[in-house]
């Protein structure tokens, strides 16, 4: 399973990439707007952080298929061919996906709230499908279950696609999909930090240090004994 960062703050992306095994970065128009910077300036900096092999996800904004295809070509020209263009799973979006597939341009179906949206995007050739797990929960539904249903529909029909599950509020939601074997997740830095933020972990490590210092002296490590 691939682990991506759902963010556009380049300082945070650098921090997370320095610690965790990150495979890419996912953005959307709202995330880019929060940066307050020109979009391509941010995207090129992200590309420099994750390198040429890291996957970068960038959303087209045009509401019509032809406009989305034109945006996709500009996005790839600016950020490299390891970038995937995010296309909302709407009727016009599905039309754009078919055009992109015909031109061999990699794309992902986004703004997914139902299993049928995800299945249709996969049928159109989407390399990934992005269900919004927590946003689905906020509608009174089960976001993790919807994501699993999409995964099952894709795999049982032999489609060459997979999930890039998004919109998580906690690490348990992520873990449920990790255990289910989805293709990828994209997670905000605060939720990624929560993967290992645990008072018991910190307490255990502190105790090891105190016990070792009791044996060898304050500030000593295995380099000093």
C-alpha atoms as a PDB file:
ATOM      1  CA  UNK A   1       0.000   0.000   0.000  1.00  0.00           C
ATOM      2  CA  UNK A   2       1.197   3.486  -0.876  1.00  0.00           C
ATOM      3  CA  UNK A   3       1.152   6.264   1.719  1.00  0.00           C
ATOM      4  CA  UNK A   4       0.702   9.820   0.446  1.00  0.00           C
ATOM      5  CA  UNK A   5       0.493  13.201   2.159  1.00  0.00           C
ATOM      6  CA  UNK A   6      -2.725  15.163   1.664  1.00  0.00           C
ATOM      7  CA  UNK A   7      -1.309  18.681   1.949  1.00  0.00           C
ATOM      8  CA  UNK A   8       0.360  21.593   0.133  1.00  0.00           C
ATOM      9  CA  UNK A   9       2.397  23.183   2.942  1.00  0.00           C
ATOM     10  CA  UNK A  10       5.900  22.457   1.701  1.00  0.00           C
ATOM     11  CA  UNK A  11       7.474  22.791   5.155  1.00  0.00           C
ATOM     12  CA  UNK A  12       5.103  20.155   6.518  1.00  0.00           C
ATOM     13  CA  UNK A  13       5.703  17.927   3.501  1.00  0.00           C
ATOM     14  CA  UNK A  14       9.475  18.121   4.064  1.00  0.00           C
ATOM     15  CA  UNK A  15       9.024  17.282   7.763  1.00  0.00           C
ATOM     16  CA  UNK A  16       6.805  14.277   7.113  1.00  0.00           C
ATOM     17  CA  UNK A  17       8.968  12.980   4.243  1.00  0.00           C
ATOM     18  CA  UNK A  18      12.060  13.128   6.460  1.00  0.00           C
ATOM     19  CA  UNK A  19      10.447  10.751   8.969  1.00  0.00           C
ATOM     20  CA  UNK A  20       7.919   8.469   7.292  1.00  0.00           C
ATOM     21  CA  UNK A  21       8.009   6.200   4.186  1.00  0.00           C
ATOM     22  CA  UNK A  22       6.056   8.504   1.874  1.00  0.00           C
ATOM     23  CA  UNK A  23       5.208   7.614  -1.726  1.00  0.00           C
ATOM     24  CA  UNK A  24       3.688  10.873  -2.926  1.00  0.00           C
ATOM     25  CA  UNK A  25       1.614  13.983  -2.281  1.00  0.00           C
ATOM     26  CA  UNK A  26      -2.014  14.677  -3.085  1.00  0.00           C
ATOM     27  CA  UNK A  27      -3.417  18.170  -3.571  1.00  0.00           C
ATOM     28  CA  UNK A  28      -6.745  19.680  -4.579  1.00  0.00           C
ATOM     29  CA  UNK A  29      -7.854  23.246  -5.403  1.00  0.00           C
ATOM     30  CA  UNK A  30      -8.852  23.970  -1.791  1.00  0.00           C
ATOM     31  CA  UNK A  31      -5.544  22.697  -0.408  1.00  0.00           C
ATOM     32  CA  UNK A  32      -3.604  24.793  -2.923  1.00  0.00           C
ATOM     33  CA  UNK A  33      -5.706  27.852  -2.071  1.00  0.00           C
ATOM     34  CA  UNK A  34      -4.732  27.514   1.607  1.00  0.00           C
ATOM     35  CA  UNK A  35      -1.068  27.891   0.658  1.00  0.00           C
ATOM     36  CA  UNK A  36      -1.743  31.430  -0.619  1.00  0.00           C
ATOM     37  CA  UNK A  37       0.927  30.907  -3.288  1.00  0.00           C
ATOM     38  CA  UNK A  38       0.796  30.524  -7.087  1.00  0.00           C
ATOM     39  CA  UNK A  39      -0.270  26.904  -7.744  1.00  0.00           C
ATOM     40  CA  UNK A  40       2.557  25.872 -10.058  1.00  0.00           C
ATOM     41  CA  UNK A  41       5.140  27.424  -7.733  1.00  0.00           C
ATOM     42  CA  UNK A  42       3.854  25.185  -4.938  1.00  0.00           C
ATOM     43  CA  UNK A  43       3.531  22.107  -7.128  1.00  0.00           C
ATOM     44  CA  UNK A  44       7.062  22.439  -8.501  1.00  0.00           C
ATOM     45  CA  UNK A  45       8.433  22.768  -4.977  1.00  0.00           C
ATOM     46  CA  UNK A  46       6.511  19.662  -3.926  1.00  0.00           C
ATOM     47  CA  UNK A  47       7.920  17.828  -6.939  1.00  0.00           C
ATOM     48  CA  UNK A  48      11.443  18.841  -5.888  1.00  0.00           C
ATOM     49  CA  UNK A  49      10.788  17.405  -2.408  1.00  0.00           C
ATOM     50  CA  UNK A  50       9.369  14.046  -3.474  1.00  0.00           C
ATOM     51  CA  UNK A  51      11.681  13.649  -6.474  1.00  0.00           C
ATOM     52  CA  UNK A  52      10.928  12.506 -10.015  1.00  0.00           C
ATOM     53  CA  UNK A  53       9.653   9.088  -8.896  1.00  0.00           C
ATOM     54  CA  UNK A  54       7.204  10.332  -6.267  1.00  0.00           C
ATOM     55  CA  UNK A  55       3.565  10.424  -7.323  1.00  0.00           C
ATOM     56  CA  UNK A  56       1.945  13.861  -7.346  1.00  0.00           C
ATOM     57  CA  UNK A  57      -1.831  14.269  -7.638  1.00  0.00           C
ATOM     58  CA  UNK A  58      -3.167  17.560  -9.047  1.00  0.00           C
ATOM     59  CA  UNK A  59      -6.809  18.358  -9.770  1.00  0.00           C
ATOM     60  CA  UNK A  60      -8.187  19.919 -12.946  1.00  0.00           C
ATOM     61  CA  UNK A  61     -10.676  22.708 -12.258  1.00  0.00           C
ATOM     62  CA  UNK A  62     -12.456  23.133 -15.608  1.00  0.00           C
ATOM     63  CA  UNK A  63     -16.107  22.000 -15.472  1.00  0.00           C
ATOM     64  CA  UNK A  64     -16.090  20.772 -19.095  1.00  0.00           C
ATOM     65  CA  UNK A  65     -14.235  17.754 -20.452  1.00  0.00           C
ATOM     66  CA  UNK A  66     -12.199  19.582 -23.085  1.00  0.00           C
ATOM     67  CA  UNK A  67     -11.037  22.149 -20.561  1.00  0.00           C
ATOM     68  CA  UNK A  68     -10.040  19.413 -18.107  1.00  0.00           C
ATOM     69  CA  UNK A  69      -7.989  17.667 -20.795  1.00  0.00           C
ATOM     70  CA  UNK A  70      -6.223  20.912 -21.691  1.00  0.00           C
ATOM     71  CA  UNK A  71      -5.484  21.497 -17.982  1.00  0.00           C
ATOM     72  CA  UNK A  72      -4.136  17.960 -17.661  1.00  0.00           C
ATOM     73  CA  UNK A  73      -1.612  18.568 -20.423  1.00  0.00           C
ATOM     74  CA  UNK A  74      -0.456  21.824 -18.815  1.00  0.00           C
ATOM     75  CA  UNK A  75      -0.191  20.162 -15.394  1.00  0.00           C
ATOM     76  CA  UNK A  76       2.005  17.377 -16.789  1.00  0.00           C
ATOM     77  CA  UNK A  77       4.161  19.839 -18.714  1.00  0.00           C
ATOM     78  CA  UNK A  78       4.793  21.787 -15.493  1.00  0.00           C
ATOM     79  CA  UNK A  79       5.208  18.936 -12.996  1.00  0.00           C
ATOM     80  CA  UNK A  80       6.384  15.828 -14.869  1.00  0.00           C
ATOM     81  CA  UNK A  81       4.919  12.582 -16.133  1.00  0.00           C
ATOM     82  CA  UNK A  82       4.728  10.985 -12.676  1.00  0.00           C
ATOM     83  CA  UNK A  83       1.877  13.374 -11.936  1.00  0.00           C
ATOM     84  CA  UNK A  84      -1.685  12.064 -12.050  1.00  0.00           C
ATOM     85  CA  UNK A  85      -4.531  14.421 -12.879  1.00  0.00           C
ATOM     86  CA  UNK A  86      -7.525  14.319 -10.540  1.00  0.00           C
ATOM     87  CA  UNK A  87     -10.899  14.434 -12.305  1.00  0.00           C
ATOM     88  CA  UNK A  88     -14.185  14.709 -10.341  1.00  0.00           C
ATOM     89  CA  UNK A  89     -16.529  11.763 -10.846  1.00  0.00           C
ATOM     90  CA  UNK A  90     -19.354  13.628 -12.559  1.00  0.00           C
ATOM     91  CA  UNK A  91     -20.926  12.956 -15.989  1.00  0.00           C
ATOM     92  CA  UNK A  92     -18.658  15.540 -17.606  1.00  0.00           C
ATOM     93  CA  UNK A  93     -15.761  14.169 -15.585  1.00  0.00           C
ATOM     94  CA  UNK A  94     -16.332  10.675 -16.949  1.00  0.00           C
ATOM     95  CA  UNK A  95     -16.273  12.125 -20.461  1.00  0.00           C
ATOM     96  CA  UNK A  96     -12.948  13.796 -19.666  1.00  0.00           C
ATOM     97  CA  UNK A  97     -11.600  10.502 -18.330  1.00  0.00           C
ATOM     98  CA  UNK A  98     -12.388   8.729 -21.603  1.00  0.00           C
ATOM     99  CA  UNK A  99     -10.589  11.459 -23.539  1.00  0.00           C
ATOM    100  CA  UNK A 100      -7.578  11.289 -21.229  1.00  0.00           C
ATOM    101  CA  UNK A 101      -7.432   7.518 -21.508  1.00  0.00           C
ATOM    102  CA  UNK A 102      -7.429   7.766 -25.298  1.00  0.00           C
ATOM    103  CA  UNK A 103      -4.386  10.041 -25.072  1.00  0.00           C
ATOM    104  CA  UNK A 104      -2.554   7.839 -22.573  1.00  0.00           C
ATOM    105  CA  UNK A 105      -2.678  10.430 -19.770  1.00  0.00           C
ATOM    106  CA  UNK A 106      -2.759   9.037 -16.226  1.00  0.00           C
ATOM    107  CA  UNK A 107      -5.655  10.202 -14.080  1.00  0.00           C
ATOM    108  CA  UNK A 108      -7.559   9.578 -10.884  1.00  0.00           C
ATOM    109  CA  UNK A 109     -11.293   9.781 -10.186  1.00  0.00           C
ATOM    110  CA  UNK A 110     -11.933  12.109  -7.255  1.00  0.00           C
ATOM    111  CA  UNK A 111     -14.841  13.551  -5.224  1.00  0.00           C
ATOM    112  CA  UNK A 112     -16.135  10.014  -4.740  1.00  0.00           C
ATOM    113  CA  UNK A 113     -19.022   9.547  -2.307  1.00  0.00           C
ATOM    114  CA  UNK A 114     -20.659   6.382  -3.685  1.00  0.00           C
ATOM    115  CA  UNK A 115     -19.484   2.969  -4.778  1.00  0.00           C
ATOM    116  CA  UNK A 116     -21.008   3.424  -8.244  1.00  0.00           C
ATOM    117  CA  UNK A 117     -18.996   6.614  -8.799  1.00  0.00           C
ATOM    118  CA  UNK A 118     -15.836   4.703  -7.982  1.00  0.00           C
ATOM    119  CA  UNK A 119     -16.736   1.748 -10.165  1.00  0.00           C
ATOM    120  CA  UNK A 120     -17.536   3.985 -13.153  1.00  0.00           C
ATOM    121  CA  UNK A 121     -14.246   5.867 -12.783  1.00  0.00           C
ATOM    122  CA  UNK A 122     -12.362   2.566 -12.751  1.00  0.00           C
ATOM    123  CA  UNK A 123     -14.284   1.473 -15.872  1.00  0.00           C
ATOM    124  CA  UNK A 124     -13.212   4.743 -17.548  1.00  0.00           C
ATOM    125  CA  UNK A 125      -9.578   3.848 -16.921  1.00  0.00           C
ATOM    126  CA  UNK A 126      -8.807   5.718 -13.681  1.00  0.00           C
ATOM    127  CA  UNK A 127      -5.553   4.484 -12.170  1.00  0.00           C
ATOM    128  CA  UNK A 128      -6.914   5.393  -8.748  1.00  0.00           C
ATOM    129  CA  UNK A 129     -10.307   6.200  -7.259  1.00  0.00           C
ATOM    130  CA  UNK A 130     -10.490   8.569  -4.277  1.00  0.00           C
ATOM    131  CA  UNK A 131     -13.395   8.023  -1.847  1.00  0.00           C
ATOM    132  CA  UNK A 132     -13.735  10.735   0.810  1.00  0.00           C
ATOM    133  CA  UNK A 133     -13.952   8.517   3.883  1.00  0.00           C
ATOM    134  CA  UNK A 134     -14.710  11.018   6.637  1.00  0.00           C
ATOM    135  CA  UNK A 135     -16.900  13.233   4.459  1.00  0.00           C
ATOM    136  CA  UNK A 136     -19.015  10.154   3.734  1.00  0.00           C
ATOM    137  CA  UNK A 137     -19.225   9.533   7.495  1.00  0.00           C
ATOM    138  CA  UNK A 138     -20.465  13.108   7.921  1.00  0.00           C
ATOM    139  CA  UNK A 139     -23.401  12.286   5.623  1.00  0.00           C
ATOM    140  CA  UNK A 140     -24.490   9.642   8.126  1.00  0.00           C
ATOM    141  CA  UNK A 141     -23.035   6.776   6.106  1.00  0.00           C
ATOM    142  CA  UNK A 142     -20.033   4.494   6.690  1.00  0.00           C
ATOM    143  CA  UNK A 143     -17.042   5.876   4.789  1.00  0.00           C
ATOM    144  CA  UNK A 144     -14.794   2.898   5.450  1.00  0.00           C
ATOM    145  CA  UNK A 145     -17.484   0.510   4.207  1.00  0.00           C
ATOM    146  CA  UNK A 146     -18.040   2.552   1.032  1.00  0.00           C
ATOM    147  CA  UNK A 147     -14.287   2.495   0.389  1.00  0.00           C
ATOM    148  CA  UNK A 148     -14.217  -1.277   0.887  1.00  0.00           C
ATOM    149  CA  UNK A 149     -17.199  -1.684  -1.438  1.00  0.00           C
ATOM    150  CA  UNK A 150     -15.343   0.241  -4.165  1.00  0.00           C
ATOM    151  CA  UNK A 151     -12.224  -1.848  -3.626  1.00  0.00           C
ATOM    152  CA  UNK A 152     -14.287  -5.036  -3.935  1.00  0.00           C
ATOM    153  CA  UNK A 153     -16.124  -3.835  -7.060  1.00  0.00           C
ATOM    154  CA  UNK A 154     -12.815  -2.986  -8.746  1.00  0.00           C
ATOM    155  CA  UNK A 155     -10.936  -6.164  -7.822  1.00  0.00           C
ATOM    156  CA  UNK A 156     -13.809  -8.619  -8.412  1.00  0.00           C
ATOM    157  CA  UNK A 157     -14.390  -7.195 -11.877  1.00  0.00           C
ATOM    158  CA  UNK A 158     -10.712  -7.413 -12.786  1.00  0.00           C
ATOM    159  CA  UNK A 159     -10.299  -3.683 -13.389  1.00  0.00           C
ATOM    160  CA  UNK A 160      -6.793  -2.212 -13.456  1.00  0.00           C
ATOM    161  CA  UNK A 161      -7.471   0.412 -10.795  1.00  0.00           C
ATOM    162  CA  UNK A 162      -7.364   0.839  -7.045  1.00  0.00           C
ATOM    163  CA  UNK A 163      -8.160   3.166  -4.186  1.00  0.00           C
ATOM    164  CA  UNK A 164      -6.413   6.334  -3.162  1.00  0.00           C
ATOM    165  CA  UNK A 165      -8.634   6.710  -0.116  1.00  0.00           C
ATOM    166  CA  UNK A 166      -8.793  10.261   1.266  1.00  0.00           C
ATOM    167  CA  UNK A 167     -10.394  12.440   3.963  1.00  0.00           C
ATOM    168  CA  UNK A 168      -9.439  10.754   7.210  1.00  0.00           C
ATOM    169  CA  UNK A 169     -10.008  12.119  10.719  1.00  0.00           C
ATOM    170  CA  UNK A 170      -8.062   9.488  12.661  1.00  0.00           C
ATOM    171  CA  UNK A 171      -5.557   6.662  12.321  1.00  0.00           C
ATOM    172  CA  UNK A 172      -8.164   3.951  12.966  1.00  0.00           C
ATOM    173  CA  UNK A 173      -9.941   4.776   9.699  1.00  0.00           C
ATOM    174  CA  UNK A 174      -6.612   4.482   7.890  1.00  0.00           C
ATOM    175  CA  UNK A 175      -5.764   1.208   9.632  1.00  0.00           C
ATOM    176  CA  UNK A 176      -9.058  -0.370   8.597  1.00  0.00           C
ATOM    177  CA  UNK A 177      -8.212   0.204   4.941  1.00  0.00           C
ATOM    178  CA  UNK A 178      -4.548  -0.775   5.371  1.00  0.00           C
ATOM    179  CA  UNK A 179      -5.743  -4.136   6.720  1.00  0.00           C
ATOM    180  CA  UNK A 180      -8.125  -4.451   3.769  1.00  0.00           C
ATOM    181  CA  UNK A 181      -5.268  -4.121   1.296  1.00  0.00           C
ATOM    182  CA  UNK A 182      -6.277  -0.983  -0.601  1.00  0.00           C
ATOM    183  CA  UNK A 183      -3.853   0.390  -3.176  1.00  0.00           C
ATOM    184  CA  UNK A 184      -3.098   3.737  -1.472  1.00  0.00           C
ATOM    185  CA  UNK A 185      -4.216   6.277   1.105  1.00  0.00           C
ATOM    186  CA  UNK A 186      -3.591  10.018   1.275  1.00  0.00           C
ATOM    187  CA  UNK A 187      -3.498  11.441   4.775  1.00  0.00           C
ATOM    188  CA  UNK A 188      -3.017  14.876   6.353  1.00  0.00           C
ATOM    189  CA  UNK A 189       0.167  15.456   8.401  1.00  0.00           C
ATOM    190  CA  UNK A 190      -1.697  15.637  11.722  1.00  0.00           C
ATOM    191  CA  UNK A 191      -3.286  12.225  11.175  1.00  0.00           C
ATOM    192  CA  UNK A 192       0.061  10.767  10.037  1.00  0.00           C
ATOM    193  CA  UNK A 193       1.636  12.065  13.248  1.00  0.00           C
ATOM    194  CA  UNK A 194      -1.168  10.310  15.119  1.00  0.00           C
ATOM    195  CA  UNK A 195      -0.047   6.925  13.753  1.00  0.00           C
ATOM    196  CA  UNK A 196       2.590   6.738  16.497  1.00  0.00           C
ATOM    197  CA  UNK A 197       1.548   9.485  18.907  1.00  0.00           C
ATOM    198  CA  UNK A 198       0.945   7.513  22.061  1.00  0.00           C
ATOM    199  CA  UNK A 199       1.762   8.316  25.692  1.00  0.00           C
ATOM    200  CA  UNK A 200       2.671   4.677  26.397  1.00  0.00           C
ATOM    201  CA  UNK A 201       5.235   4.631  23.573  1.00  0.00           C
ATOM    202  CA  UNK A 202       6.865   7.819  24.860  1.00  0.00           C
ATOM    203  CA  UNK A 203       6.818   6.518  28.432  1.00  0.00           C
ATOM    204  CA  UNK A 204       8.491   3.250  27.438  1.00  0.00           C
ATOM    205  CA  UNK A 205      11.265   5.030  25.524  1.00  0.00           C
ATOM    206  CA  UNK A 206      11.845   7.472  28.411  1.00  0.00           C
ATOM    207  CA  UNK A 207      12.097   4.557  30.831  1.00  0.00           C
ATOM    208  CA  UNK A 208      14.705   2.811  28.672  1.00  0.00           C
ATOM    209  CA  UNK A 209      16.804   5.997  28.637  1.00  0.00           C
ATOM    210  CA  UNK A 210      16.560   6.473  32.414  1.00  0.00           C
ATOM    211  CA  UNK A 211      17.522   2.861  33.105  1.00  0.00           C
ATOM    212  CA  UNK A 212      20.518   3.049  30.762  1.00  0.00           C
ATOM    213  CA  UNK A 213      21.680   6.342  32.278  1.00  0.00           C
ATOM    214  CA  UNK A 214      21.417   4.723  35.698  1.00  0.00           C
ATOM    215  CA  UNK A 215      23.869   2.112  34.496  1.00  0.00           C
ATOM    216  CA  UNK A 216      26.299   4.206  32.458  1.00  0.00           C
ATOM    217  CA  UNK A 217      25.738   7.829  33.525  1.00  0.00           C
ATOM    218  CA  UNK A 218      23.583  10.771  32.496  1.00  0.00           C
ATOM    219  CA  UNK A 219      23.600  11.526  28.770  1.00  0.00           C
ATOM    220  CA  UNK A 220      25.474   8.312  27.951  1.00  0.00           C
ATOM    221  CA  UNK A 221      24.544   6.093  24.995  1.00  0.00           C
ATOM    222  CA  UNK A 222      25.897   2.886  23.508  1.00  0.00           C
ATOM    223  CA  UNK A 223      28.596   5.018  21.924  1.00  0.00           C
ATOM    224  CA  UNK A 224      30.009   5.875  25.342  1.00  0.00           C
ATOM    225  CA  UNK A 225      30.068   2.553  27.230  1.00  0.00           C
END
